[in-house]
Protein backbone atom coordinates (compact mmCIF):
# COMPACT_ATOMS: atom_id res chain seq x y z
CA MET A 1 165.56 10.11 118.74
CA ALA A 2 163.13 8.94 121.33
CA GLU A 3 161.58 11.84 123.08
CA ALA A 4 158.01 11.51 124.29
CA SER A 5 156.44 14.33 126.25
CA ARG A 6 152.93 15.61 125.97
CA ILE A 7 152.98 18.79 128.00
CA LEU A 8 156.24 20.36 129.17
CA GLN A 9 156.69 22.84 131.97
CA THR A 10 158.85 25.79 130.96
CA MET A 11 159.17 27.52 134.32
CA LEU A 12 162.22 26.24 136.15
CA ILE A 13 163.41 27.17 139.61
CA PRO A 14 162.24 29.99 141.89
CA THR A 15 164.68 31.65 144.24
CA PHE A 16 165.26 29.50 147.31
CA SER A 17 165.30 30.85 150.81
CA GLN A 18 168.81 31.23 152.19
CA ASN A 19 167.57 29.54 155.33
CA PRO A 20 166.20 26.02 154.79
CA SER A 21 164.60 26.03 158.21
CA LEU A 22 162.01 28.44 156.83
CA TYR A 23 160.47 25.49 155.00
CA THR A 24 158.58 22.63 156.60
CA THR A 25 159.94 19.65 154.71
CA THR A 26 159.24 15.99 155.19
CA ILE A 27 162.31 13.80 154.64
CA HIS A 28 161.24 10.53 153.08
CA SER A 29 162.52 7.36 154.71
CA HIS A 30 164.63 5.35 152.28
CA ARG A 31 165.46 1.69 152.54
CA CYS A 32 167.88 1.78 149.61
CA PHE A 33 171.67 1.79 149.83
CA ALA A 34 172.94 5.09 151.21
CA PRO A 35 176.73 5.37 150.87
CA SER A 36 178.68 7.46 153.33
CA THR A 37 180.10 10.80 152.25
CA ALA A 38 183.53 9.25 151.76
CA LYS A 39 182.05 6.43 149.72
CA ARG A 40 180.10 8.97 147.65
CA SER A 41 183.28 10.87 146.77
CA SER A 42 185.15 7.71 145.84
CA LEU A 43 182.35 6.67 143.50
CA PHE A 44 182.43 10.08 141.79
CA ASP A 45 186.21 9.94 141.43
CA ARG A 46 185.61 7.57 138.51
CA ILE A 47 183.90 10.30 136.53
CA ARG A 48 185.56 13.22 134.77
CA CYS A 49 183.01 15.35 132.97
CA SER A 50 184.47 17.80 130.49
CA VAL A 51 182.80 21.16 130.82
CA SER A 52 182.19 22.94 127.53
CA THR A 53 183.61 26.40 127.09
CA ALA A 54 180.45 27.40 125.23
CA SER A 55 178.06 29.16 127.57
CA SER A 56 174.76 30.77 126.81
CA GLY A 57 176.54 34.01 126.05
CA THR A 58 179.38 32.65 123.95
CA THR A 59 180.01 33.86 120.45
CA GLU A 60 182.18 30.93 119.39
CA SER A 61 180.65 28.00 117.53
CA THR A 62 182.28 25.25 119.56
CA VAL A 63 181.13 21.64 119.66
CA GLN A 64 179.80 20.53 123.04
CA ASN A 65 181.88 17.83 124.72
CA GLY A 66 178.99 16.06 126.42
CA VAL A 67 178.88 13.96 129.58
CA ALA A 68 180.65 10.74 130.53
CA TRP A 69 177.53 8.56 130.47
CA GLY A 70 174.81 7.67 127.98
CA CYS A 71 175.30 6.69 124.33
CA ASP A 72 175.13 8.10 120.82
CA ALA A 73 171.62 9.13 119.77
CA ASP A 74 171.39 6.33 117.18
CA SER A 75 173.19 3.67 119.22
CA LEU A 76 171.64 0.27 119.94
CA GLU A 77 174.64 -0.66 122.06
CA ASN A 78 172.72 -0.63 125.35
CA ALA A 79 169.24 -1.38 123.99
CA ALA A 80 169.35 -5.12 124.73
CA ALA A 81 170.54 -4.54 128.31
CA LEU A 82 167.78 -1.96 128.81
CA GLN A 83 165.06 -4.31 127.56
CA GLU A 84 166.38 -7.17 129.70
CA TRP A 85 166.51 -4.97 132.81
CA LEU A 86 163.01 -3.62 132.20
CA SER A 87 161.62 -7.14 131.82
CA GLU A 88 163.31 -8.26 135.03
CA SER A 89 161.94 -5.15 136.78
CA GLY A 90 158.29 -5.75 135.96
CA LEU A 91 157.68 -4.62 132.37
CA PRO A 92 155.29 -7.14 130.77
CA PRO A 93 156.08 -8.77 127.38
CA GLN A 94 156.02 -6.20 124.57
CA LYS A 95 154.86 -6.17 120.95
CA MET A 96 157.62 -3.68 120.12
CA ALA A 97 161.42 -3.56 120.17
CA ILE A 98 164.03 -0.79 119.92
CA GLU A 99 165.56 -0.51 116.46
CA ARG A 100 167.25 2.07 114.28
CA VAL A 101 164.62 3.91 112.27
CA GLU A 102 164.43 6.44 109.46
CA VAL A 103 162.40 8.91 111.53
CA GLY A 104 164.11 9.56 114.85
CA GLU A 105 167.30 7.44 114.66
CA ARG A 106 165.98 5.05 117.35
CA GLY A 107 162.38 4.07 117.90
CA LEU A 108 159.98 1.27 118.78
CA ILE A 109 159.20 -1.13 115.95
CA ALA A 110 156.18 -3.46 115.83
CA LEU A 111 157.17 -7.13 116.25
CA LYS A 112 153.64 -8.37 115.60
CA ASN A 113 150.44 -7.09 114.02
CA ILE A 114 149.04 -4.28 116.16
CA ARG A 115 145.35 -3.40 115.86
CA LYS A 116 143.87 0.08 115.82
CA GLY A 117 142.51 0.80 119.31
CA GLU A 118 144.93 -1.57 121.04
CA LYS A 119 146.54 -0.58 124.33
CA LEU A 120 150.33 -0.93 124.48
CA LEU A 121 153.26 -0.55 126.93
CA PHE A 122 151.79 -1.07 130.45
CA VAL A 123 154.88 0.38 132.17
CA PRO A 124 154.34 -0.04 135.95
CA PRO A 125 154.81 2.89 138.39
CA SER A 126 157.82 1.11 139.91
CA LEU A 127 159.69 2.01 136.71
CA PHE A 128 158.78 5.72 136.76
CA ILE A 129 161.29 8.36 137.79
CA THR A 130 159.44 11.07 139.71
CA ALA A 131 160.21 13.66 142.36
CA ASP A 132 159.39 10.97 144.94
CA SER A 133 161.80 8.34 143.59
CA GLU A 134 164.27 6.85 146.03
CA TRP A 135 167.86 8.07 145.78
CA SER A 136 170.84 5.74 145.84
CA CYS A 137 172.54 8.37 147.99
CA ARG A 138 170.12 9.30 150.73
CA GLU A 139 172.29 12.15 152.05
CA VAL A 140 171.91 14.02 148.75
CA SER A 141 168.14 13.57 148.85
CA GLU A 142 167.90 14.88 152.40
CA VAL A 143 169.90 18.01 151.63
CA LEU A 144 167.77 18.87 148.59
CA LYS A 145 164.55 18.24 150.47
CA GLN A 146 165.73 20.55 153.28
CA TYR A 147 166.07 23.32 150.71
CA ASN A 148 162.64 22.55 149.24
CA VAL A 149 164.02 22.24 145.69
CA PRO A 150 161.16 22.23 143.13
CA ASP A 151 160.40 19.15 141.03
CA TRP A 152 162.24 20.07 137.81
CA PRO A 153 165.61 20.98 139.38
CA LEU A 154 165.17 18.05 141.77
CA LEU A 155 164.68 15.62 138.88
CA ALA A 156 167.61 17.14 136.98
CA THR A 157 169.86 16.67 140.02
CA TYR A 158 168.50 13.17 140.56
CA LEU A 159 169.48 12.11 137.04
CA ILE A 160 173.01 13.45 137.48
CA SER A 161 173.36 11.86 140.91
CA GLU A 162 172.27 8.45 139.65
CA ALA A 163 174.33 8.76 136.44
CA GLY A 164 177.45 9.60 138.45
CA LEU A 165 177.11 6.40 140.47
CA MET A 166 177.42 4.33 137.29
CA ASN A 167 176.56 0.65 137.92
CA SER A 168 175.83 1.33 141.59
CA SER A 169 172.56 2.99 140.57
CA ARG A 170 169.38 1.06 139.99
CA TRP A 171 168.86 3.15 136.85
CA SER A 172 172.25 2.43 135.26
CA ASN A 173 170.79 0.47 132.34
CA TYR A 174 168.28 3.21 131.59
CA ILE A 175 170.82 6.03 131.85
CA SER A 176 173.27 4.12 129.65
CA ALA A 177 170.60 4.02 126.93
CA LEU A 178 169.88 7.76 127.09
CA PRO A 179 171.51 10.01 124.47
CA ARG A 180 174.80 11.47 125.60
CA GLN A 181 173.82 14.72 123.92
CA PRO A 182 170.04 15.20 123.63
CA TYR A 183 168.79 16.90 120.48
CA SER A 184 167.80 20.25 121.89
CA LEU A 185 168.43 23.94 121.33
CA LEU A 186 170.12 23.84 124.75
CA TYR A 187 173.12 22.52 122.85
CA TRP A 188 173.25 25.33 120.31
CA THR A 189 175.81 28.05 121.09
CA ARG A 190 174.70 31.67 121.17
CA SER A 191 176.49 32.37 117.90
CA GLU A 192 174.68 29.44 116.24
CA LEU A 193 171.31 30.69 117.46
CA ASP A 194 172.11 34.19 116.20
CA ARG A 195 173.40 32.94 112.86
CA TYR A 196 170.81 30.34 111.95
CA LEU A 197 167.65 31.42 113.80
CA GLU A 198 167.87 35.20 113.59
CA ALA A 199 164.62 35.39 111.61
CA SER A 200 162.61 33.10 113.90
CA GLN A 201 161.08 34.05 117.26
CA ILE A 202 162.09 30.58 118.52
CA ARG A 203 165.62 31.98 118.86
CA GLN A 204 164.54 34.22 121.74
CA ARG A 205 162.71 31.37 123.44
CA ALA A 206 165.84 29.21 123.15
CA ILE A 207 167.97 31.97 124.69
CA GLU A 208 165.48 32.33 127.55
CA ARG A 209 165.48 28.58 128.15
CA ILE A 210 169.28 28.41 128.15
CA ASN A 211 169.41 31.32 130.59
CA ASP A 212 166.81 29.60 132.81
CA VAL A 213 168.86 26.40 132.93
CA THR A 214 172.08 28.33 133.57
CA GLY A 215 170.39 30.37 136.29
CA THR A 216 168.99 27.22 137.87
CA TYR A 217 172.41 25.59 138.00
CA ASN A 218 174.06 28.75 139.37
CA ASP A 219 171.39 29.03 142.07
CA LEU A 220 171.84 25.40 143.11
CA GLN A 221 175.61 25.80 143.04
CA ASP A 222 175.61 28.94 145.18
CA ARG A 223 173.02 27.83 147.70
CA ILE A 224 173.61 24.08 148.00
CA PHE A 225 176.40 22.44 146.01
CA SER A 226 179.17 24.75 147.21
CA LYS A 227 178.16 24.09 150.84
CA TYR A 228 178.29 20.29 150.44
CA PRO A 229 181.23 19.64 148.07
CA ASP A 230 181.62 16.02 149.18
CA LEU A 231 178.04 15.25 148.21
CA PHE A 232 178.05 17.42 145.07
CA PRO A 233 181.58 17.19 143.57
CA ALA A 234 182.15 19.67 140.75
CA GLU A 235 183.48 16.89 138.50
CA VAL A 236 179.92 15.60 138.25
CA PHE A 237 177.55 18.42 139.25
CA ASN A 238 178.55 21.06 136.72
CA MET A 239 176.98 23.15 133.99
CA GLU A 240 177.57 20.52 131.31
CA SER A 241 175.84 17.77 133.28
CA PHE A 242 172.91 20.09 134.02
CA ARG A 243 172.62 20.96 130.35
CA TRP A 244 172.38 17.21 129.71
CA SER A 245 169.84 16.49 132.47
CA PHE A 246 167.56 19.37 131.50
CA GLY A 247 167.85 18.31 127.86
CA ILE A 248 166.62 14.88 128.92
CA LEU A 249 163.75 16.38 130.93
CA PHE A 250 162.59 18.78 128.21
CA SER A 251 162.58 16.00 125.64
CA ARG A 252 161.35 13.02 127.68
CA LEU A 253 159.39 14.11 130.74
CA VAL A 254 155.71 13.30 130.38
CA ARG A 255 152.75 14.75 132.24
CA LEU A 256 150.17 12.10 133.14
CA PRO A 257 146.62 13.57 133.20
CA SER A 258 145.13 10.57 135.01
CA MET A 259 147.66 10.95 137.84
CA ASP A 260 146.60 14.55 138.54
CA GLY A 261 149.11 15.91 136.05
CA ARG A 262 152.10 14.29 137.72
CA VAL A 263 155.33 14.51 135.71
CA ALA A 264 157.56 11.47 135.26
CA LEU A 265 160.28 9.93 133.18
CA VAL A 266 158.89 6.64 131.88
CA PRO A 267 161.61 4.30 130.58
CA TRP A 268 160.69 2.39 127.43
CA ALA A 269 157.72 4.66 126.75
CA ASP A 270 160.16 7.49 126.04
CA MET A 271 161.63 5.53 123.14
CA LEU A 272 158.50 6.30 121.11
CA ASN A 273 158.89 8.94 118.42
CA HIS A 274 156.46 11.67 117.37
CA SER A 275 154.27 11.74 114.29
CA CYS A 276 152.03 14.59 113.22
CA GLU A 277 149.65 12.00 111.75
CA VAL A 278 148.62 10.45 115.09
CA GLU A 279 146.91 11.97 118.11
CA THR A 280 147.39 9.27 120.76
CA PHE A 281 149.44 10.17 123.83
CA LEU A 282 150.83 8.57 126.96
CA ASP A 283 148.75 8.39 130.13
CA TYR A 284 148.34 6.29 133.25
CA ASP A 285 145.72 3.55 133.01
CA LYS A 286 144.18 2.90 136.42
CA SER A 287 142.71 -0.47 135.48
CA SER A 288 146.05 -1.95 134.38
CA GLN A 289 148.08 0.26 136.74
CA GLY A 290 150.61 1.28 134.13
CA VAL A 291 151.43 3.91 131.52
CA VAL A 292 149.80 3.05 128.21
CA PHE A 293 148.73 4.56 124.92
CA THR A 294 145.93 3.47 122.65
CA THR A 295 146.85 3.16 118.98
CA ASP A 296 144.77 5.22 116.55
CA ARG A 297 145.97 3.23 113.54
CA ALA A 298 147.09 -0.33 112.79
CA TYR A 299 150.75 -1.36 112.45
CA GLN A 300 152.35 -4.22 110.53
CA PRO A 301 155.47 -6.04 111.78
CA GLY A 302 158.52 -3.91 111.03
CA GLU A 303 156.64 -0.59 111.06
CA GLN A 304 157.65 2.13 113.50
CA VAL A 305 155.00 2.86 116.13
CA PHE A 306 154.33 6.52 116.92
CA ILE A 307 152.63 8.71 119.50
CA SER A 308 151.96 12.45 119.56
CA TYR A 309 154.08 14.77 121.71
CA GLY A 310 151.20 17.21 121.70
CA LYS A 311 149.89 19.99 119.49
CA LYS A 312 153.17 21.82 119.06
CA SER A 313 154.51 24.06 116.33
CA ASN A 314 157.63 23.10 114.37
CA GLY A 315 159.52 25.70 116.39
CA GLU A 316 158.43 24.15 119.67
CA LEU A 317 159.42 20.69 118.42
CA LEU A 318 162.86 22.00 117.46
CA LEU A 319 163.22 23.80 120.79
CA SER A 320 162.64 20.73 122.98
CA TYR A 321 163.22 17.73 120.74
CA GLY A 322 165.66 18.92 118.09
CA PHE A 323 163.73 18.05 114.94
CA VAL A 324 161.51 19.79 112.39
CA PRO A 325 158.69 17.86 110.66
CA PRO A 326 158.57 18.06 106.84
CA GLU A 327 156.98 21.25 105.55
CA GLY A 328 153.20 21.18 105.48
CA THR A 329 152.81 17.97 107.52
CA ASN A 330 152.15 19.53 110.94
CA PRO A 331 148.54 20.74 111.33
CA SER A 332 149.51 22.42 114.63
CA ASP A 333 152.32 24.44 113.09
CA SER A 334 152.39 28.17 113.72
CA VAL A 335 154.76 31.12 113.45
CA GLU A 336 155.10 33.89 116.00
CA LEU A 337 154.39 37.34 114.54
CA PRO A 338 155.93 40.20 116.56
CA LEU A 339 153.80 43.34 116.91
CA SER A 340 154.72 46.59 118.66
CA LEU A 341 153.11 49.90 119.47
CA GLU A 342 154.71 52.86 117.72
CA LYS A 343 156.60 54.95 120.26
CA SER A 344 155.68 58.02 118.24
CA ASP A 345 151.98 57.28 118.87
CA LYS A 346 150.38 60.21 120.74
CA CYS A 347 148.60 57.70 122.97
CA TYR A 348 151.58 55.34 123.47
CA LYS A 349 151.54 55.74 127.24
CA GLU A 350 147.78 55.21 127.60
CA LYS A 351 147.85 52.15 125.32
CA SER A 352 150.84 50.67 127.17
CA VAL A 353 149.04 51.11 130.49
CA ALA A 354 145.94 49.39 129.11
CA LEU A 355 148.01 46.47 127.82
CA LYS A 356 149.94 46.14 131.08
CA LYS A 357 146.67 46.01 133.01
CA HIS A 358 145.77 42.87 131.05
CA GLY A 359 149.19 41.21 131.23
CA LEU A 360 150.59 42.39 127.88
CA SER A 361 153.44 44.69 126.91
CA ALA A 362 153.95 47.25 124.18
CA SER A 363 155.65 44.51 122.15
CA HIS A 364 154.00 41.12 121.86
CA CYS A 365 154.06 38.02 119.64
CA PHE A 366 150.95 36.31 118.30
CA PRO A 367 150.74 32.93 116.55
CA LEU A 368 149.81 32.73 112.88
CA GLN A 369 148.67 29.42 111.41
CA ILE A 370 148.09 28.45 107.81
CA THR A 371 144.36 28.65 108.60
CA GLY A 372 144.46 32.18 110.04
CA TRP A 373 145.23 34.09 113.21
CA PRO A 374 143.66 34.49 116.67
CA LEU A 375 141.11 37.13 117.61
CA GLU A 376 143.63 38.52 120.11
CA LEU A 377 145.95 39.59 117.28
CA MET A 378 143.24 41.62 115.58
CA ALA A 379 142.30 43.27 118.89
CA TYR A 380 145.94 44.26 119.44
CA ALA A 381 146.09 45.69 115.91
CA TYR A 382 142.95 47.74 116.54
CA LEU A 383 144.55 49.17 119.68
CA ALA A 384 147.82 49.90 117.89
CA VAL A 385 146.16 51.99 115.15
CA SER A 386 143.30 53.54 117.14
CA PRO A 387 143.29 57.36 117.23
CA PRO A 388 143.06 59.49 120.41
CA SER A 389 139.32 59.90 119.82
CA MET A 390 138.87 56.18 120.64
CA GLN A 391 140.61 56.37 124.01
CA ASN A 392 137.51 55.11 125.81
CA GLN A 393 137.83 51.84 123.89
CA PHE A 394 141.54 51.22 124.75
CA ASP A 395 140.77 49.04 127.75
CA GLU A 396 138.24 46.96 125.81
CA MET A 397 140.76 46.40 123.02
CA ALA A 398 143.58 45.50 125.44
CA SER A 399 141.30 43.07 127.28
CA ALA A 400 140.34 41.35 124.02
CA ALA A 401 144.04 41.18 123.02
CA SER A 402 144.86 39.22 126.16
CA ASN A 403 144.38 35.46 126.10
CA LYS A 404 143.75 35.74 129.84
CA SER A 405 140.37 37.25 129.07
CA THR A 406 137.55 34.93 130.11
CA SER A 407 135.45 35.81 127.08
CA LYS A 408 136.69 35.79 123.51
CA LYS A 409 135.41 38.97 121.89
CA ASP A 410 135.43 39.33 118.12
CA LEU A 411 135.69 43.10 118.21
CA ARG A 412 134.78 45.09 115.13
CA TYR A 413 135.74 48.69 114.50
CA PRO A 414 134.90 49.28 110.81
CA GLU A 415 136.29 52.81 110.87
CA ILE A 416 139.85 51.56 111.59
CA GLU A 417 139.71 48.02 110.14
CA GLU A 418 141.71 48.95 107.06
CA ASP A 419 144.45 50.52 109.18
CA ALA A 420 144.54 47.48 111.48
CA LEU A 421 144.87 45.04 108.58
CA GLN A 422 147.59 47.19 107.04
CA PHE A 423 149.39 47.21 110.41
CA ILE A 424 149.38 43.37 110.47
CA LEU A 425 150.42 43.19 106.81
CA ASP A 426 153.39 45.48 107.44
CA ALA A 427 154.53 43.24 110.30
CA CYS A 428 154.13 40.13 108.12
CA GLU A 429 156.16 41.60 105.30
CA ALA A 430 158.91 42.74 107.68
CA SER A 431 159.16 39.17 108.99
CA ILE A 432 159.07 37.68 105.48
CA SER A 433 162.00 39.92 104.55
CA LYS A 434 164.07 38.54 107.45
CA TYR A 435 163.28 34.92 106.54
CA SER A 436 164.03 35.48 102.86
CA LYS A 437 167.34 37.13 103.69
CA PHE A 438 168.44 34.13 105.76
CA LEU A 439 167.23 31.53 103.26
CA GLN A 440 168.96 33.29 100.39
CA ALA A 441 172.23 33.54 102.35
CA SER A 442 172.12 30.00 103.79
CA GLY A 443 173.59 28.38 100.71
CA SER A 444 176.86 30.30 101.02
CA MET A 445 177.16 29.98 104.81
CA ASP A 446 180.04 28.05 106.40
CA LEU A 447 181.98 27.48 103.18
CA ASP A 448 185.16 28.48 105.04
CA VAL A 449 184.87 25.73 107.68
CA THR A 450 187.56 23.08 107.19
CA ASN A 451 187.22 20.98 110.35
CA PRO A 452 185.11 17.93 109.23
CA LYS A 453 183.43 17.40 112.60
CA LEU A 454 182.57 21.07 113.00
CA LEU A 455 181.42 21.28 109.38
CA ASN A 456 179.05 18.32 109.83
CA ARG A 457 177.59 19.96 112.92
CA LYS A 458 177.10 23.29 111.16
CA LEU A 459 175.49 21.67 108.12
CA PHE A 460 173.12 19.71 110.37
CA LEU A 461 172.08 22.76 112.40
CA LYS A 462 171.77 24.91 109.29
CA GLN A 463 169.48 22.35 107.63
CA LEU A 464 167.24 22.31 110.72
CA ALA A 465 167.10 26.11 110.60
CA VAL A 466 166.35 26.13 106.86
CA ASP A 467 163.52 23.61 107.37
CA LEU A 468 162.06 25.67 110.23
CA CYS A 469 162.36 29.02 108.44
CA THR A 470 160.86 27.60 105.24
CA SER A 471 157.79 26.32 107.11
CA GLU A 472 157.38 29.55 109.09
CA ARG A 473 157.77 31.76 106.03
CA ARG A 474 155.14 29.65 104.26
CA MET A 475 152.57 30.63 106.89
CA LEU A 476 153.59 34.27 106.65
CA PHE A 477 153.15 34.15 102.88
CA ARG A 478 149.65 32.73 103.38
CA ALA A 479 148.78 35.49 105.86
CA GLN A 480 150.18 38.08 103.45
CA TYR A 481 147.95 36.77 100.66
CA ILE A 482 144.81 36.86 102.85
CA LEU A 483 145.57 40.34 104.17
CA ARG A 484 146.24 41.77 100.73
CA ARG A 485 142.99 40.29 99.43
CA ARG A 486 140.93 41.69 102.32
CA LEU A 487 142.50 45.10 101.94
CA ARG A 488 141.83 45.02 98.19
CA ASP A 489 138.20 44.17 98.85
CA ILE A 490 137.85 46.98 101.39
CA ARG A 491 139.47 49.51 99.12
CA SER A 492 137.57 48.43 96.02
CA GLY A 493 134.36 48.66 98.05
CA GLU A 494 135.24 52.18 99.11
CA LEU A 495 135.97 53.07 95.49
CA ARG A 496 132.60 51.72 94.37
CA GLY A 497 130.93 53.68 97.16
CA LEU A 498 132.64 56.91 96.05
CA LYS A 499 131.59 56.35 92.44
CA LEU A 500 127.97 55.80 93.49
CA PHE A 501 128.10 58.92 95.63
CA ASP A 502 129.57 60.97 92.75
CA GLY A 503 126.84 59.69 90.41
CA PHE A 504 124.20 60.50 92.96
CA MET A 505 125.54 64.07 93.38
CA LYS A 506 125.54 64.65 89.60
CA LEU A 507 121.77 64.18 89.61
CA PHE A 508 121.50 67.43 91.54
CA ASN A 509 123.91 69.42 89.36
């Protein structure tokens, strides 16, 4: 797997205006080959994408059919052609080569000794795919620009358009080397998400992402594709191809800080795999005018070279990239703890209003790490357990619970601290119960599956879910231990105080 992305955008496509004339759009002048509409259709006649019957709402665990281009995730079939094309297109000589690897299936392996602090790659901008890249079919580009399609859907459509042209596209060697089915939760069916990730909050995020992608495709289909069927034939521009293109974007698109945060697909650079043990990331180097990274460790010939995809939890890595690091190896790992106001609370309405004012709802998730939890979580817990007599403090608590607050306040309310800690502990133990239930049942899951291909898929997905749930439960167990200890200390302190008070009172009896 070769997915390299430091910061990923999760918002997809806003609603377009029905009338493209409402937008002032500049159509870029292209000097590349622009086939006629008839030529475009004849090129697409070569492709027959099979659309999966598994939608975001399906309850059947079907195997996705995939698209007609790309290769298997571990294939080196097109690697040599990709490297040759990149070299001919301006990529300088490299100290790395694509090989099969133990971590990631495919990756970049050191061919020579690589020093710590050495800059590598130097991929020139001419090899980037961005929202400004030239289209092989200019008519498609002009239509999308008229509708002011945002960058992410534009890039997704660009990939499909170029992939559908096969060898007629400049990017054919790159697209042929991309995985036919990216490792991503986009490719999990709804029943698989419900079955394997029921305990984890990442399930809901996966459902939201799938719905976003589906909604994006449906919006494009209704507003643009259906009006220009010759330019956007359904055999190519369909839900399955958009699932593929968004899977590629979520797992490979990189944001380049030194180019004002511009997002791009960077061929060759995106063959680098992630390691939790390194912190180096991709960026544009103005002096060499190329995308580089600076190694933060040395590599011997034959060793796999790594970058960091960013400070992401195991759940986030599974969501976008389809893998879970070994338990305890990710210092950025966290688990989402769901908290909710009690609807029976006498001040439920007032507390909900205070939370809404600061961008929160009556139910909210907060991250727990092995090292502790954020101040916002404690502020939310204070609000949840505060009595009507503290109504004047509701807004202060809600403000502190919001990460949108400009100042981080470590609020202290000693009179309700025990109740707040108990509130968090109850939520932790409820989550632990869900994780334990899944992990205990996982061993007997899918024993009735007889189809070998489907069984292999289920075993693979189940193992990913077991790895994720094990790491997330570990952090919950740690939080449970800390909370129980703090509550014990509070309660033992109260007991000592009562004993001292009783002894003091006896002096006067």
